N, C-alpha and C. Protein backbone atom coordinates (compact mmCIF):
# COMPACT_ATOMS: atom_id res chain seq x y z
N MET A 1 0.72 -1.15 -0.05
CA MET A 1 -0.02 -0.04 0.03
C MET A 1 0.83 1.26 0.04
N THR A 2 0.45 2.23 -0.74
CA THR A 2 1.10 3.52 -0.71
C THR A 2 0.45 4.43 0.44
N THR A 3 1.29 4.87 1.27
CA THR A 3 0.87 5.80 2.29
C THR A 3 1.24 7.26 1.91
N VAL A 4 0.29 8.09 1.90
CA VAL A 4 0.51 9.55 1.60
C VAL A 4 0.32 10.35 2.90
N THR A 5 1.18 11.21 3.17
CA THR A 5 1.03 12.05 4.34
C THR A 5 1.04 13.51 3.86
N LEU A 6 -0.05 14.20 4.29
CA LEU A 6 -0.14 15.63 4.00
C LEU A 6 0.19 16.32 5.33
N TYR A 7 1.18 17.26 5.20
CA TYR A 7 1.65 18.06 6.32
C TYR A 7 1.08 19.38 6.31
N TRP A 8 0.23 19.77 7.36
CA TRP A 8 -0.41 21.08 7.41
C TRP A 8 0.14 21.81 8.58
N GLU A 9 0.13 23.17 8.39
CA GLU A 9 0.55 24.06 9.43
C GLU A 9 -0.31 25.37 9.30
N ASP A 10 -0.98 25.64 10.46
CA ASP A 10 -1.91 26.83 10.46
C ASP A 10 -2.77 26.97 9.24
N GLY A 11 -3.40 25.71 8.86
CA GLY A 11 -4.34 25.75 7.79
C GLY A 11 -3.84 25.79 6.39
N THR A 12 -2.49 25.76 6.24
CA THR A 12 -1.92 25.70 4.90
C THR A 12 -1.04 24.47 4.77
N LEU A 13 -1.09 23.85 3.54
CA LEU A 13 -0.24 22.62 3.24
C LEU A 13 1.15 23.11 3.12
N ARG A 14 2.05 22.27 3.95
CA ARG A 14 3.47 22.63 3.93
C ARG A 14 4.21 21.49 3.26
N GLY A 15 3.70 20.30 3.10
CA GLY A 15 4.48 19.25 2.53
C GLY A 15 3.67 18.02 2.29
N VAL A 16 4.24 17.18 1.42
CA VAL A 16 3.59 15.86 1.05
C VAL A 16 4.62 14.85 1.06
N GLU A 17 4.32 13.66 1.46
CA GLU A 17 5.16 12.50 1.38
C GLU A 17 4.36 11.31 0.88
N SER A 18 5.07 10.52 0.08
CA SER A 18 4.47 9.25 -0.49
C SER A 18 5.49 8.12 -0.09
N ARG A 19 4.98 7.04 0.44
CA ARG A 19 5.83 6.02 0.80
C ARG A 19 5.28 4.62 0.47
N GLY A 20 6.09 3.81 -0.20
CA GLY A 20 5.66 2.50 -0.56
C GLY A 20 4.97 2.34 -1.92
N HIS A 21 4.92 1.06 -2.30
CA HIS A 21 4.23 0.68 -3.59
C HIS A 21 2.77 0.32 -3.24
N SER A 22 1.93 0.72 -4.09
CA SER A 22 0.43 0.45 -3.87
C SER A 22 0.11 -1.06 -3.81
N GLY A 23 0.81 -1.84 -4.69
CA GLY A 23 0.43 -3.21 -4.79
C GLY A 23 -0.70 -3.50 -5.79
N PHE A 24 -1.15 -2.50 -6.47
CA PHE A 24 -2.13 -2.70 -7.50
C PHE A 24 -1.63 -3.63 -8.62
N ALA A 25 -0.39 -3.56 -9.05
CA ALA A 25 0.24 -4.32 -10.13
C ALA A 25 1.65 -4.42 -9.89
N ASP A 26 2.34 -5.19 -10.68
CA ASP A 26 3.74 -5.41 -10.55
C ASP A 26 4.46 -4.02 -10.77
N LYS A 27 5.56 -3.97 -10.24
CA LYS A 27 6.44 -2.68 -10.32
C LYS A 27 6.57 -2.39 -11.84
N GLY A 28 6.41 -1.14 -12.21
CA GLY A 28 6.48 -0.75 -13.57
C GLY A 28 5.26 -0.84 -14.37
N LYS A 29 4.21 -1.50 -13.80
CA LYS A 29 3.00 -1.69 -14.48
C LYS A 29 1.83 -1.11 -13.49
N ASP A 30 2.19 -0.54 -12.49
CA ASP A 30 1.25 -0.12 -11.45
C ASP A 30 0.67 1.25 -11.66
N ILE A 31 -0.53 1.33 -12.23
CA ILE A 31 -1.11 2.61 -12.55
C ILE A 31 -1.49 3.45 -11.32
N VAL A 32 -1.68 2.87 -10.20
CA VAL A 32 -2.06 3.63 -9.04
C VAL A 32 -0.70 4.33 -8.50
N CYS A 33 0.28 3.57 -8.46
CA CYS A 33 1.61 4.08 -8.03
C CYS A 33 1.99 5.18 -9.12
N ALA A 34 1.75 5.00 -10.33
CA ALA A 34 2.12 5.93 -11.36
C ALA A 34 1.37 7.28 -11.17
N ALA A 35 0.11 7.11 -10.85
CA ALA A 35 -0.75 8.32 -10.71
C ALA A 35 -0.24 9.22 -9.53
N VAL A 36 0.09 8.53 -8.36
CA VAL A 36 0.55 9.24 -7.21
C VAL A 36 1.89 9.83 -7.50
N SER A 37 2.74 9.11 -8.08
CA SER A 37 4.13 9.66 -8.41
C SER A 37 4.00 10.84 -9.39
N SER A 38 3.17 10.72 -10.43
CA SER A 38 2.98 11.80 -11.46
C SER A 38 2.49 13.01 -10.70
N LEU A 39 1.60 12.94 -9.75
CA LEU A 39 1.11 14.16 -9.04
C LEU A 39 2.23 14.77 -8.31
N LEU A 40 3.04 13.98 -7.63
CA LEU A 40 4.18 14.58 -6.79
C LEU A 40 5.22 15.12 -7.70
N HIS A 41 5.45 14.54 -8.72
CA HIS A 41 6.52 15.17 -9.71
C HIS A 41 5.96 16.46 -10.30
N ALA A 42 4.64 16.50 -10.62
CA ALA A 42 4.01 17.75 -11.05
C ALA A 42 4.15 18.83 -10.01
N LEU A 43 3.84 18.39 -8.69
CA LEU A 43 3.99 19.38 -7.68
C LEU A 43 5.43 19.92 -7.56
N LEU A 44 6.42 19.05 -7.67
CA LEU A 44 7.76 19.52 -7.58
C LEU A 44 8.17 20.42 -8.67
N LEU A 45 7.70 20.19 -9.88
CA LEU A 45 7.99 21.04 -11.00
C LEU A 45 7.25 22.37 -10.84
N GLY A 46 6.03 22.26 -10.36
CA GLY A 46 5.32 23.49 -10.15
C GLY A 46 5.91 24.48 -9.12
N LEU A 47 6.41 23.73 -8.05
CA LEU A 47 7.11 24.46 -6.90
C LEU A 47 8.39 25.11 -7.47
N SER A 48 9.29 24.37 -8.12
CA SER A 48 10.63 24.80 -8.58
C SER A 48 10.67 25.55 -9.83
N ASP A 49 9.94 25.06 -10.88
CA ASP A 49 10.11 25.84 -12.20
C ASP A 49 9.04 26.77 -12.51
N VAL A 50 7.88 26.56 -12.00
CA VAL A 50 6.75 27.60 -12.21
C VAL A 50 6.69 28.70 -11.17
N ALA A 51 6.53 28.37 -9.92
CA ALA A 51 6.48 29.24 -8.85
C ALA A 51 7.84 29.73 -8.38
N GLU A 52 8.89 28.98 -8.79
CA GLU A 52 10.26 29.37 -8.53
C GLU A 52 10.44 29.63 -6.96
N VAL A 53 9.96 28.63 -6.12
CA VAL A 53 10.05 28.79 -4.67
C VAL A 53 11.48 28.43 -4.21
N GLU A 54 12.06 29.29 -3.49
CA GLU A 54 13.41 28.98 -2.81
C GLU A 54 13.18 28.20 -1.60
N GLY A 55 14.10 27.30 -1.42
CA GLY A 55 14.06 26.55 -0.10
C GLY A 55 13.18 25.36 -0.13
N VAL A 56 12.84 24.81 -1.35
CA VAL A 56 12.01 23.56 -1.37
C VAL A 56 12.94 22.37 -1.02
N GLU A 57 12.52 21.53 -0.10
CA GLU A 57 13.31 20.33 0.19
C GLU A 57 12.63 19.07 -0.42
N CYS A 58 13.38 18.29 -1.04
CA CYS A 58 13.01 17.06 -1.71
C CYS A 58 13.86 15.92 -1.34
N GLU A 59 13.24 14.90 -0.85
CA GLU A 59 13.96 13.67 -0.52
C GLU A 59 13.33 12.50 -1.35
N VAL A 60 14.13 11.84 -2.11
CA VAL A 60 13.71 10.66 -2.86
C VAL A 60 14.52 9.36 -2.61
N ASN A 61 13.87 8.29 -2.28
CA ASN A 61 14.62 7.05 -2.03
C ASN A 61 13.91 6.01 -2.80
N PRO A 62 14.42 5.52 -3.95
CA PRO A 62 13.72 4.56 -4.86
C PRO A 62 13.72 3.14 -4.08
N GLU A 63 14.51 2.95 -3.09
CA GLU A 63 14.55 1.61 -2.47
C GLU A 63 13.27 1.44 -1.60
N VAL A 64 12.75 2.54 -1.04
CA VAL A 64 11.51 2.38 -0.15
C VAL A 64 10.30 2.10 -0.84
N PRO A 65 9.77 2.69 -1.93
CA PRO A 65 10.13 4.03 -2.27
C PRO A 65 9.52 5.12 -1.53
N LEU A 66 10.25 6.30 -1.63
CA LEU A 66 9.79 7.50 -0.87
C LEU A 66 10.00 8.74 -1.70
N ILE A 67 9.05 9.51 -1.60
CA ILE A 67 9.16 10.95 -2.14
C ILE A 67 8.58 11.81 -1.12
N ARG A 68 9.45 12.86 -0.60
CA ARG A 68 8.98 13.81 0.43
C ARG A 68 9.33 15.17 -0.08
N ILE A 69 8.33 15.93 -0.15
CA ILE A 69 8.59 17.40 -0.60
C ILE A 69 7.96 18.32 0.47
N LEU A 70 8.74 19.21 0.89
CA LEU A 70 8.48 20.29 1.87
C LEU A 70 8.80 21.63 1.27
N TRP A 71 7.98 22.62 1.62
CA TRP A 71 8.19 23.97 1.14
C TRP A 71 8.16 24.97 2.29
N PRO A 72 8.83 26.05 2.17
CA PRO A 72 8.86 27.01 3.29
C PRO A 72 7.48 27.64 3.68
N ARG A 73 7.34 27.89 5.02
CA ARG A 73 6.12 28.45 5.38
C ARG A 73 5.86 29.76 4.83
N SER A 74 6.91 30.58 4.51
CA SER A 74 6.78 31.92 4.00
C SER A 74 6.08 31.87 2.55
N SER A 75 6.21 30.72 1.89
CA SER A 75 5.70 30.58 0.53
C SER A 75 4.30 29.86 0.54
N ALA A 76 3.93 29.20 1.54
CA ALA A 76 2.80 28.33 1.60
C ALA A 76 1.48 29.08 1.11
N GLY A 77 1.29 30.26 1.69
CA GLY A 77 0.07 30.97 1.29
C GLY A 77 -0.19 31.10 -0.27
N ARG A 78 0.94 31.64 -0.89
CA ARG A 78 0.79 31.90 -2.30
C ARG A 78 0.75 30.62 -3.20
N LEU A 79 1.05 29.55 -2.60
CA LEU A 79 1.02 28.24 -3.32
C LEU A 79 -0.16 27.35 -3.13
N GLU A 80 -1.22 27.96 -2.42
CA GLU A 80 -2.45 27.14 -2.11
C GLU A 80 -3.15 26.60 -3.34
N LEU A 81 -3.21 27.34 -4.42
CA LEU A 81 -3.99 26.78 -5.51
C LEU A 81 -3.24 25.50 -6.15
N LEU A 82 -1.92 25.60 -6.18
CA LEU A 82 -1.15 24.33 -6.60
C LEU A 82 -1.26 23.27 -5.62
N THR A 83 -0.87 23.57 -4.33
CA THR A 83 -0.75 22.48 -3.38
C THR A 83 -2.18 21.84 -2.94
N ARG A 84 -3.23 22.64 -2.82
CA ARG A 84 -4.45 21.99 -2.56
C ARG A 84 -4.98 21.22 -3.72
N THR A 85 -4.71 21.72 -4.91
CA THR A 85 -5.07 20.85 -6.11
C THR A 85 -4.49 19.52 -6.11
N ILE A 86 -3.16 19.41 -5.79
CA ILE A 86 -2.46 18.19 -5.64
C ILE A 86 -3.13 17.33 -4.43
N ALA A 87 -3.36 17.99 -3.37
CA ALA A 87 -3.95 17.23 -2.18
C ALA A 87 -5.36 16.59 -2.51
N LEU A 88 -6.12 17.47 -3.20
CA LEU A 88 -7.43 17.05 -3.57
C LEU A 88 -7.34 15.82 -4.61
N SER A 89 -6.35 15.96 -5.49
CA SER A 89 -6.24 14.98 -6.53
C SER A 89 -5.80 13.59 -5.84
N LEU A 90 -4.84 13.70 -5.02
CA LEU A 90 -4.39 12.54 -4.17
C LEU A 90 -5.56 11.93 -3.42
N LYS A 91 -6.43 12.76 -2.81
CA LYS A 91 -7.62 12.22 -2.08
C LYS A 91 -8.57 11.45 -2.94
N GLU A 92 -8.66 11.97 -4.32
CA GLU A 92 -9.51 11.25 -5.26
C GLU A 92 -8.96 9.88 -5.56
N ILE A 93 -7.63 9.76 -5.68
CA ILE A 93 -7.03 8.48 -5.92
C ILE A 93 -7.33 7.57 -4.72
N GLU A 94 -7.15 8.13 -3.51
CA GLU A 94 -7.52 7.27 -2.35
C GLU A 94 -9.00 6.83 -2.38
N THR A 95 -9.94 7.68 -2.76
CA THR A 95 -11.31 7.37 -2.86
C THR A 95 -11.57 6.24 -3.85
N GLY A 96 -11.01 6.27 -5.02
CA GLY A 96 -11.13 5.37 -5.97
C GLY A 96 -10.38 4.03 -5.74
N SER A 97 -9.34 4.06 -4.92
CA SER A 97 -8.48 2.86 -4.73
C SER A 97 -8.03 2.75 -3.19
N PRO A 98 -9.01 2.70 -2.27
CA PRO A 98 -8.72 2.78 -0.77
C PRO A 98 -7.86 1.58 -0.37
N GLU A 99 -7.91 0.57 -1.11
CA GLU A 99 -7.21 -0.62 -0.65
C GLU A 99 -5.74 -0.53 -1.09
N TYR A 100 -5.33 0.47 -1.97
CA TYR A 100 -3.98 0.69 -2.42
C TYR A 100 -3.37 1.96 -2.01
N VAL A 101 -4.15 2.95 -1.52
CA VAL A 101 -3.64 4.28 -1.19
C VAL A 101 -4.32 4.66 0.13
N HIS A 102 -3.55 5.13 1.10
CA HIS A 102 -4.01 5.69 2.31
C HIS A 102 -3.50 6.94 2.67
N ILE A 103 -4.33 7.94 2.85
CA ILE A 103 -3.77 9.36 3.19
C ILE A 103 -3.91 9.67 4.62
N THR A 104 -2.92 10.13 5.28
CA THR A 104 -2.90 10.64 6.60
C THR A 104 -2.61 12.15 6.56
N GLU A 105 -3.25 12.89 7.45
CA GLU A 105 -3.05 14.32 7.46
C GLU A 105 -2.50 14.59 8.86
N VAL A 106 -1.34 15.38 8.85
CA VAL A 106 -0.65 15.64 10.02
C VAL A 106 -0.48 17.16 10.25
N GLN A 107 -0.72 17.63 11.45
CA GLN A 107 -0.57 19.03 11.82
C GLN A 107 0.82 19.20 12.32
N LEU A 108 1.52 20.14 11.81
CA LEU A 108 2.90 20.53 12.20
C LEU A 108 2.91 21.43 13.45
């Protein structure tokens, strides 16, 4: 199962983490895993290349697999359109595949 953690602080999203394979299909053919990964990669591109946010932290570990993206509190407000869209999209994946994706929301 893929576990997604949404990190909130004072009502704004500050980070997202995805850990593990969904188990929907074999590695490399897993559309659920691909959907989650695509959203996180789009988020990272949006933060770094479109919004040009300084201080974005990204940790990737393909062995786990793990993708963790955190952005500065000072930028969180102006990023809400992007970050909440990603959060809602991830929740839709969980709704459609609850046996393969679980979302936890954490207050920082």
